[in-house]
Protein backbone atom coordinates (compact mmCIF):
# COMPACT_ATOMS: atom_id res chain seq x y z
CA UNK A 1 -0.10 0.05 -0.12
CA UNK A 2 1.35 3.43 -0.93
CA UNK A 3 1.39 5.69 2.07
CA UNK A 4 2.55 8.76 0.38
CA UNK A 5 -0.81 10.47 -0.48
CA UNK A 6 -1.94 9.82 3.18
CA UNK A 7 1.11 11.54 4.59
CA UNK A 8 0.80 14.39 1.94
CA UNK A 9 -2.65 14.98 2.86
CA UNK A 10 -1.84 14.93 6.71
CA UNK A 11 1.01 17.58 5.95
CA UNK A 12 -1.47 19.76 4.12
CA UNK A 13 -4.05 19.62 6.80
CA UNK A 14 -1.36 20.50 9.68
CA UNK A 15 0.03 23.33 7.60
CA UNK A 16 -3.74 24.68 7.31
CA UNK A 17 -4.31 24.23 10.88
CA UNK A 18 -1.00 26.07 11.74
CA UNK A 19 -1.85 29.04 9.47
CA UNK A 20 -5.39 29.46 10.85
CA UNK A 21 -4.02 29.06 14.55
CA UNK A 22 -1.54 31.96 14.09
CA UNK A 23 -3.94 34.20 12.37
CA UNK A 24 -2.58 34.00 8.86
CA UNK A 25 -4.21 33.39 5.69
CA UNK A 26 -3.06 31.16 2.75
CA UNK A 27 -3.17 34.25 0.57
CA UNK A 28 -0.72 35.94 2.90
CA UNK A 29 1.39 32.86 2.95
CA UNK A 30 1.71 32.54 -0.83
CA UNK A 31 1.78 36.23 -1.74
CA UNK A 32 4.11 37.32 1.10
CA UNK A 33 1.56 40.09 2.06
CA UNK A 34 -1.00 40.98 4.76
CA UNK A 35 -4.54 41.33 3.74
CA UNK A 36 -5.26 44.95 3.92
CA UNK A 37 -7.49 46.12 6.74
CA UNK A 38 -10.22 48.21 6.57
CA UNK A 39 -10.42 51.77 8.18
CA UNK A 40 -12.93 50.41 10.65
CA UNK A 41 -10.58 47.59 11.64
CA UNK A 42 -7.40 50.10 11.84
CA UNK A 43 -9.71 52.47 13.95
CA UNK A 44 -10.66 49.53 16.39
CA UNK A 45 -6.96 48.63 16.67
CA UNK A 46 -6.07 52.53 17.46
CA UNK A 47 -8.72 52.84 20.06
CA UNK A 48 -7.92 49.62 21.63
CA UNK A 49 -4.27 50.83 21.82
CA UNK A 50 -5.23 54.19 23.17
CA UNK A 51 -7.39 52.61 25.96
CA UNK A 52 -4.37 50.21 26.81
CA UNK A 53 -1.88 53.14 26.97
CA UNK A 54 -0.10 52.20 23.87
CA UNK A 55 -0.01 55.58 22.82
CA UNK A 56 2.68 55.38 20.11
CA UNK A 57 0.96 52.29 18.31
CA UNK A 58 -2.30 54.32 18.57
CA UNK A 59 -0.53 57.30 16.88
CA UNK A 60 0.50 55.05 14.19
CA UNK A 61 -2.87 53.57 13.74
CA UNK A 62 -4.78 57.00 13.43
CA UNK A 63 -2.07 58.29 11.18
CA UNK A 64 -2.43 55.18 8.86
CA UNK A 65 -6.09 56.14 8.32
CA UNK A 66 -5.44 59.67 7.52
CA UNK A 67 -2.73 58.63 5.06
CA UNK A 68 -4.65 55.61 3.34
CA UNK A 69 -8.37 56.60 3.94
CA UNK A 70 -8.39 60.43 3.89
CA UNK A 71 -11.94 60.54 2.67
CA UNK A 72 -13.56 57.95 4.72
CA UNK A 73 -15.75 58.87 7.86
CA UNK A 74 -13.12 57.52 10.14
CA UNK A 75 -10.41 60.20 8.86
CA UNK A 76 -12.09 62.81 10.91
CA UNK A 77 -12.32 60.74 14.17
CA UNK A 78 -8.76 59.59 13.61
CA UNK A 79 -7.47 63.22 13.41
CA UNK A 80 -8.89 64.15 16.79
CA UNK A 81 -7.90 60.61 18.30
CA UNK A 82 -4.21 61.15 17.03
CA UNK A 83 -4.08 64.45 18.89
CA UNK A 84 -5.60 62.79 22.00
CA UNK A 85 -2.94 60.01 21.79
CA UNK A 86 -0.06 62.59 21.68
CA UNK A 87 -1.39 64.59 24.47
CA UNK A 88 -1.55 61.54 26.57
CA UNK A 89 2.00 60.68 25.49
CA UNK A 90 2.85 64.01 26.78
CA UNK A 91 4.02 65.18 23.37
CA UNK A 92 2.48 68.37 23.96
CA UNK A 93 4.10 70.52 21.06
CA UNK A 94 2.80 67.72 18.79
CA UNK A 95 -0.62 67.38 20.18
CA UNK A 96 -1.19 71.20 19.90
CA UNK A 97 -0.08 71.19 16.28
CA UNK A 98 -2.51 68.34 15.62
CA UNK A 99 -5.47 69.96 17.47
CA UNK A 100 -4.53 73.22 15.73
CA UNK A 101 -4.72 71.54 12.31
CA UNK A 102 -8.11 70.03 13.21
CA UNK A 103 -9.55 73.38 14.04
CA UNK A 104 -8.26 74.92 10.93
CA UNK A 105 -9.76 72.12 8.80
CA UNK A 106 -13.01 71.94 10.49
CA UNK A 107 -13.84 75.12 12.34
CA UNK A 108 -17.48 74.39 12.50
CA UNK A 109 -16.98 71.12 14.01
CA UNK A 110 -19.17 70.35 17.21
CA UNK A 111 -15.90 69.47 19.05
CA UNK A 112 -14.30 72.64 18.58
CA UNK A 113 -14.77 73.82 22.27
CA UNK A 114 -12.89 70.78 23.35
CA UNK A 115 -10.28 71.24 20.82
CA UNK A 116 -9.58 74.80 22.00
CA UNK A 117 -9.50 73.58 25.50
CA UNK A 118 -6.99 71.08 24.65
CA UNK A 119 -4.67 73.56 22.80
CA UNK A 120 -4.86 75.52 26.02
CA UNK A 121 -4.01 72.33 28.09
CA UNK A 122 -1.23 71.47 25.81
CA UNK A 123 0.54 74.91 27.26
CA UNK A 124 -1.06 74.48 30.77
CA UNK A 125 0.71 71.04 31.20
CA UNK A 126 4.19 72.83 30.37
CA UNK A 127 3.49 75.85 32.80
CA UNK A 128 7.20 76.10 34.42
CA UNK A 129 8.06 77.06 38.09
CA UNK A 130 7.78 80.69 39.11
CA UNK A 131 11.51 81.26 38.60
CA UNK A 132 11.27 80.72 34.89
CA UNK A 133 9.78 82.47 31.92
CA UNK A 134 6.08 81.95 31.85
CA UNK A 135 5.55 81.91 28.00
CA UNK A 136 3.41 78.62 28.13
CA UNK A 137 1.30 80.05 30.95
CA UNK A 138 0.42 83.49 28.96
CA UNK A 139 -0.25 81.14 25.93
CA UNK A 140 -2.55 78.63 28.02
CA UNK A 141 -4.43 81.83 29.22
CA UNK A 142 -4.98 83.08 25.83
CA UNK A 143 -6.62 79.87 24.71
CA UNK A 144 -8.62 79.64 27.72
CA UNK A 145 -9.96 83.24 27.32
CA UNK A 146 -10.66 82.55 23.54
CA UNK A 147 -12.73 79.48 24.32
CA UNK A 148 -14.68 81.45 26.88
CA UNK A 149 -15.34 84.18 24.45
CA UNK A 150 -16.42 82.00 21.61
CA UNK A 151 -18.47 79.32 23.75
CA UNK A 152 -19.25 80.88 27.05
CA UNK A 153 -21.98 78.43 28.11
CA UNK A 154 -19.91 75.38 27.07
CA UNK A 155 -18.90 73.00 29.94
CA UNK A 156 -15.17 73.26 28.59
CA UNK A 157 -15.63 76.98 29.22
CA UNK A 158 -16.45 76.35 32.70
CA UNK A 159 -13.30 74.38 33.09
CA UNK A 160 -11.15 77.04 31.10
CA UNK A 161 -12.36 79.72 33.30
CA UNK A 162 -10.83 77.50 36.55
CA UNK A 163 -7.75 77.32 34.65
CA UNK A 164 -7.31 80.86 33.80
CA UNK A 165 -7.21 81.77 37.45
CA UNK A 166 -4.68 79.33 37.82
CA UNK A 167 -2.62 80.91 35.12
CA UNK A 168 -3.20 84.33 36.73
CA UNK A 169 -2.06 83.37 40.01
CA UNK A 170 0.97 81.84 38.46
CA UNK A 171 1.81 85.09 36.52
CA UNK A 172 1.46 87.03 39.53
CA UNK A 173 3.76 84.84 41.44
CA UNK A 174 6.16 85.01 38.77
CA UNK A 175 5.85 89.08 38.78
CA UNK A 176 6.30 88.90 42.59
CA UNK A 177 9.47 86.80 42.20
CA UNK A 178 11.06 88.95 39.60
CA UNK A 179 10.06 92.09 41.81
CA UNK A 180 12.08 90.42 44.97
CA UNK A 181 14.98 89.39 42.73
CA UNK A 182 15.35 92.96 41.72
CA UNK A 183 14.83 94.37 45.32
CA UNK A 184 17.45 91.97 46.77
CA UNK A 185 20.06 93.14 44.36
CA UNK A 186 19.37 97.13 45.05
CA UNK A 187 17.34 97.61 41.65
CA UNK A 188 14.56 99.25 43.46
CA UNK A 189 13.13 101.13 40.47
CA UNK A 190 12.91 98.13 38.53
CA UNK A 191 11.50 96.38 41.58
CA UNK A 192 8.81 98.92 42.03
CA UNK A 193 7.67 98.53 38.50
CA UNK A 194 6.92 94.91 38.94
CA UNK A 195 5.20 95.34 42.21
CA UNK A 196 2.95 98.09 40.78
CA UNK A 197 2.24 95.62 37.85
CA UNK A 198 0.69 93.17 40.18
CA UNK A 199 -1.47 95.74 41.90
CA UNK A 200 -3.00 97.04 38.49
CA UNK A 201 -3.16 93.43 36.78
CA UNK A 202 -3.45 90.76 39.47
CA UNK A 203 -5.06 92.62 42.43
CA UNK A 204 -7.19 89.41 43.49
CA UNK A 205 -4.43 86.76 43.10
CA UNK A 206 -3.19 86.86 46.50
CA UNK A 207 -0.11 89.04 46.22
CA UNK A 208 -1.63 92.48 46.67
CA UNK A 209 -0.77 92.92 50.42
CA UNK A 210 2.76 91.59 49.84
CA UNK A 211 3.36 93.87 46.69
CA UNK A 212 1.96 96.84 48.76
CA UNK A 213 4.45 96.31 51.41
CA UNK A 214 7.25 96.27 49.08
CA UNK A 215 6.19 99.16 47.30
CA UNK A 216 6.60 101.15 50.40
CA UNK A 217 9.98 99.56 50.86
CA UNK A 218 11.36 100.43 47.58
CA UNK A 219 9.95 104.04 47.92
CA UNK A 220 11.85 104.30 51.23
CA UNK A 221 15.05 102.93 49.34
CA UNK A 222 14.75 105.17 46.47
CA UNK A 223 14.00 108.26 48.65
CA UNK A 224 17.34 107.40 50.73
CA UNK A 225 19.34 107.05 47.51
CA UNK A 226 18.01 110.45 46.36
CA UNK A 227 18.79 112.03 49.53
CA UNK A 228 22.37 110.63 49.29
CA UNK A 229 22.59 112.03 45.70
CA UNK A 230 21.45 115.48 46.95
CA UNK A 231 24.15 115.52 49.56
CA UNK A 232 26.85 114.66 47.23
CA UNK A 233 25.77 117.33 44.90
CA UNK A 234 25.61 119.87 47.69
CA UNK A 235 28.96 118.72 48.51
CA UNK A 236 30.27 119.10 45.00
CA UNK A 237 28.67 122.59 44.73
CA UNK A 238 30.38 123.69 48.01
CA UNK A 239 33.84 122.39 47.01
CA UNK A 240 33.42 124.14 43.64
CA UNK A 241 32.39 127.48 45.41
CA UNK A 242 35.49 127.61 47.77
CA UNK A 243 37.75 126.76 45.14
């Protein structure tokens, strides 16, 4: 009895079972390429990665949809989800660019209040300590204020209002820090300008009384410096007359 056909049949069945167990298709095996996923399938993978904290893979999936299926209904979702994945990955500058692009391309989209809020948050998350320049703080404040102006009754506008106050406190603390820096080094006029700026622009942020105290101190120091200068001038004038 010839056993070769039986063995060959068993080998074929074994190979088929191996392919299906590994999630492969015969087409993929023989053609050497994977079957192309639908935008719906790629979106499902991206959201799964996003929820699992695999943000880099999620970004790749959403970018894949944007590149391969730019006119599908999933492309719009992918734009927003990619920005979200970048934000959660703490790639705040890239996330800001993605949100900004979405706003420019879809200015009337229902998610624009959220998008503007997230643009503010991209800066808010990068706010630095009071002894550093506050560029991100000012940019965050501007985005939040823009949101409040455009969508004053939106839920995200309410969140933005709370963050605006935090930004203002940060900025006031920064001005106070710089004022103290100048005061300790004897630059009383420069310090005075900072303290007056706090009084005029951040009167309700908690630094008012301290700023007023140092305004008085600066004025006393400046008065003493002027008195010294006047005495020097008097002495010089007296010396000139006697000569």
